C-alpha atoms as a PDB file:
ATOM      1  CA  MET A   1     -38.150  77.485 -13.688  1.00  0.00           C
ATOM      2  CA  ILE A   2     -40.396  75.508 -10.969  1.00  0.00           C
ATOM      3  CA  ILE A   3     -43.247  74.781 -13.325  1.00  0.00           C
ATOM      4  CA  LEU A   4     -40.872  74.645 -16.015  1.00  0.00           C
ATOM      5  CA  PHE A   5     -39.242  71.603 -14.405  1.00  0.00           C
ATOM      6  CA  ASN A   6     -42.417  69.923 -13.570  1.00  0.00           C
ATOM      7  CA  TYR A   7     -43.283  69.340 -17.052  1.00  0.00           C
ATOM      8  CA  ILE A   8     -40.553  68.134 -18.899  1.00  0.00           C
ATOM      9  CA  GLY A   9     -38.433  66.774 -15.487  1.00  0.00           C
ATOM     10  CA  VAL A  10     -40.465  63.424 -16.068  1.00  0.00           C
ATOM     11  CA  TRP A  11     -39.408  63.578 -19.984  1.00  0.00           C
ATOM     12  CA  LEU A  12     -35.590  64.525 -18.966  1.00  0.00           C
ATOM     13  CA  LEU A  13     -35.263  62.134 -16.212  1.00  0.00           C
ATOM     14  CA  GLY A  14     -36.783  59.205 -18.656  1.00  0.00           C
ATOM     15  CA  PHE A  15     -33.857  60.661 -21.138  1.00  0.00           C
ATOM     16  CA  LEU A  16     -31.253  60.207 -18.545  1.00  0.00           C
ATOM     17  CA  ASN A  17     -32.906  56.505 -17.621  1.00  0.00           C
ATOM     18  CA  ILE A  18     -32.544  58.325 -14.039  1.00  0.00           C
ATOM     19  CA  THR A  19     -35.832  56.509 -12.127  1.00  0.00           C
ATOM     20  CA  GLN A  20     -37.643  58.548  -8.820  1.00  0.00           C
ATOM     21  CA  SER A  21     -35.918  56.142  -6.560  1.00  0.00           C
ATOM     22  CA  ILE A  22     -32.369  57.776  -7.249  1.00  0.00           C
ATOM     23  CA  VAL A  23     -33.920  61.368  -7.351  1.00  0.00           C
ATOM     24  CA  GLN A  24     -35.481  60.620  -3.689  1.00  0.00           C
ATOM     25  CA  ILE A  25     -32.277  59.444  -1.887  1.00  0.00           C
ATOM     26  CA  GLY A  26     -30.465  62.149  -4.176  1.00  0.00           C
ATOM     27  CA  GLY A  27     -33.178  65.166  -2.696  1.00  0.00           C
ATOM     28  CA  GLY A  28     -33.368  63.380   0.465  1.00  0.00           C
ATOM     29  CA  THR A  29     -29.559  63.494   1.042  1.00  0.00           C
ATOM     30  CA  ILE A  30     -29.174  66.474  -0.049  1.00  0.00           C
ATOM     31  CA  LEU A  31     -31.742  67.841   2.329  1.00  0.00           C
ATOM     32  CA  PHE A  32     -30.230  66.177   5.056  1.00  0.00           C
ATOM     33  CA  LEU A  33     -26.834  67.538   5.083  1.00  0.00           C
ATOM     34  CA  LEU A  34     -28.288  70.952   5.069  1.00  0.00           C
ATOM     35  CA  SER A  35     -30.131  70.674   7.862  1.00  0.00           C
ATOM     36  CA  LEU A  36     -26.868  68.931   9.775  1.00  0.00           C
ATOM     37  CA  LYS A  37     -24.843  71.614   8.581  1.00  0.00           C
ATOM     38  CA  MET A  38     -27.443  74.018  10.082  1.00  0.00           C
ATOM     39  CA  LEU A  39     -27.903  72.207  13.440  1.00  0.00           C
ATOM     40  CA  PHE A  40     -24.213  72.219  14.200  1.00  0.00           C
ATOM     41  CA  PRO A  41     -22.480  74.708  12.135  1.00  0.00           C
ATOM     42  CA  THR A  42     -18.541  74.806  12.359  1.00  0.00           C
ATOM     43  CA  GLU A  43     -16.298  77.882  14.048  1.00  0.00           C
ATOM     44  CA  LYS A  44     -15.978  78.741   9.945  1.00  0.00           C
ATOM     45  CA  THR A  45     -19.523  79.140   8.885  1.00  0.00           C
ATOM     46  CA  LYS A  46     -19.805  81.723  12.362  1.00  0.00           C
ATOM     47  CA  HIS A  47     -17.067  83.512  11.466  1.00  0.00           C
ATOM     48  CA  GLU A  48     -18.042  83.576   7.540  1.00  0.00           C
ATOM     49  CA  ALA A  49     -22.039  84.710   8.490  1.00  0.00           C
ATOM     50  CA  GLU A  50     -20.818  87.704  11.071  1.00  0.00           C
ATOM     51  CA  LEU A  51     -18.451  88.694   7.754  1.00  0.00           C
ATOM     52  CA  GLN A  52     -21.163  88.791   5.321  1.00  0.00           C
ATOM     53  CA  LYS A  53     -23.373  90.851   8.005  1.00  0.00           C
ATOM     54  CA  ILE A  54     -20.944  93.442   7.596  1.00  0.00           C
ATOM     55  CA  THR A  55     -20.725  93.207   4.288  1.00  0.00           C
ATOM     56  CA  GLU A  56     -23.623  92.949   2.833  1.00  0.00           C
ATOM     57  CA  PRO A  57     -25.431  95.441   1.493  1.00  0.00           C
ATOM     58  CA  PHE A  58     -29.543  96.065   2.872  1.00  0.00           C
ATOM     59  CA  ILE A  59     -31.323  94.587  -0.215  1.00  0.00           C
ATOM     60  CA  VAL A  60     -34.062  92.234  -0.422  1.00  0.00           C
ATOM     61  CA  PRO A  61     -33.251  89.941  -3.260  1.00  0.00           C
ATOM     62  CA  LEU A  62     -36.898  89.413  -5.912  1.00  0.00           C
ATOM     63  CA  ALA A  63     -35.666  86.479  -7.583  1.00  0.00           C
ATOM     64  CA  ILE A  64     -35.892  84.030  -4.486  1.00  0.00           C
ATOM     65  CA  PRO A  65     -38.900  82.864  -5.283  1.00  0.00           C
ATOM     66  CA  LEU A  66     -37.969  82.241  -8.950  1.00  0.00           C
ATOM     67  CA  VAL A  67     -35.176  80.617  -8.073  1.00  0.00           C
ATOM     68  CA  ALA A  68     -35.051  77.362  -6.940  1.00  0.00           C
ATOM     69  CA  GLY A  69     -32.548  74.205  -5.198  1.00  0.00           C
ATOM     70  CA  SER A  70     -32.068  71.150  -6.072  1.00  0.00           C
ATOM     71  CA  THR A  71     -34.188  69.457  -3.296  1.00  0.00           C
ATOM     72  CA  VAL A  72     -37.223  71.618  -4.744  1.00  0.00           C
ATOM     73  CA  LEU A  73     -37.215  70.320  -7.857  1.00  0.00           C
ATOM     74  CA  ALA A  74     -36.589  67.025  -7.036  1.00  0.00           C
ATOM     75  CA  ALA A  75     -39.625  67.456  -4.713  1.00  0.00           C
ATOM     76  CA  VAL A  76     -41.669  68.622  -7.566  1.00  0.00           C
ATOM     77  CA  MET A  77     -40.895  66.422  -9.907  1.00  0.00           C
ATOM     78  CA  LEU A  78     -41.606  63.418  -7.513  1.00  0.00           C
ATOM     79  CA  TYR A  79     -45.302  64.853  -6.486  1.00  0.00           C
ATOM     80  CA  SER A  80     -46.361  66.472  -9.396  1.00  0.00           C
ATOM     81  CA  PRO A  81     -47.935  63.331 -11.050  1.00  0.00           C
ATOM     82  CA  GLN A  82     -50.009  62.614  -7.667  1.00  0.00           C
ATOM     83  CA  ILE A  83     -51.567  66.299  -8.162  1.00  0.00           C
ATOM     84  CA  PRO A  84     -54.637  66.654 -10.901  1.00  0.00           C
ATOM     85  CA  ASN A  85     -54.131  68.941 -13.501  1.00  0.00           C
ATOM     86  CA  ILE A  86     -57.010  71.087 -12.506  1.00  0.00           C
ATOM     87  CA  ILE A  87     -54.839  72.190  -9.037  1.00  0.00           C
ATOM     88  CA  MET A  88     -51.834  72.959 -11.449  1.00  0.00           C
ATOM     89  CA  ILE A  89     -53.395  74.973 -13.967  1.00  0.00           C
ATOM     90  CA  GLY A  90     -54.805  77.124 -11.222  1.00  0.00           C
ATOM     91  CA  ALA A  91     -51.552  77.002  -9.500  1.00  0.00           C
ATOM     92  CA  ILE A  92     -50.373  78.733 -12.859  1.00  0.00           C
ATOM     93  CA  ILE A  93     -52.824  81.240 -13.618  1.00  0.00           C
ATOM     94  CA  SER A  94     -52.470  82.171  -9.079  1.00  0.00           C
ATOM     95  CA  LEU A  95     -48.752  82.509 -10.155  1.00  0.00           C
ATOM     96  CA  GLY A  96     -49.350  84.892 -13.380  1.00  0.00           C
ATOM     97  CA  VAL A  97     -51.890  87.198 -11.076  1.00  0.00           C
ATOM     98  CA  GLN A  98     -49.431  87.690  -8.669  1.00  0.00           C
ATOM     99  CA  LEU A  99     -46.621  88.569 -11.225  1.00  0.00           C
END
């Protein structure tokens, strides 16, 4: 999904008339709010975490590397023009070999 977003993300943003600065501000805001929530957890989140530990089975989800959040997609769209295509092709080939 990240690689797909790398190639069609710029076109999609142009189609929706969204500038790069808006994506930077939005991605930074999401990352900032998530970090604040991690630094200052509320009592509710502590209690929910304890309940989740009790009820959650011990299964490692394999889909986590394939699913990305909005901040990662914003970072990929913003930094992909700075990376030469040969590096991106090498990354795609190495990902295909790993899968």
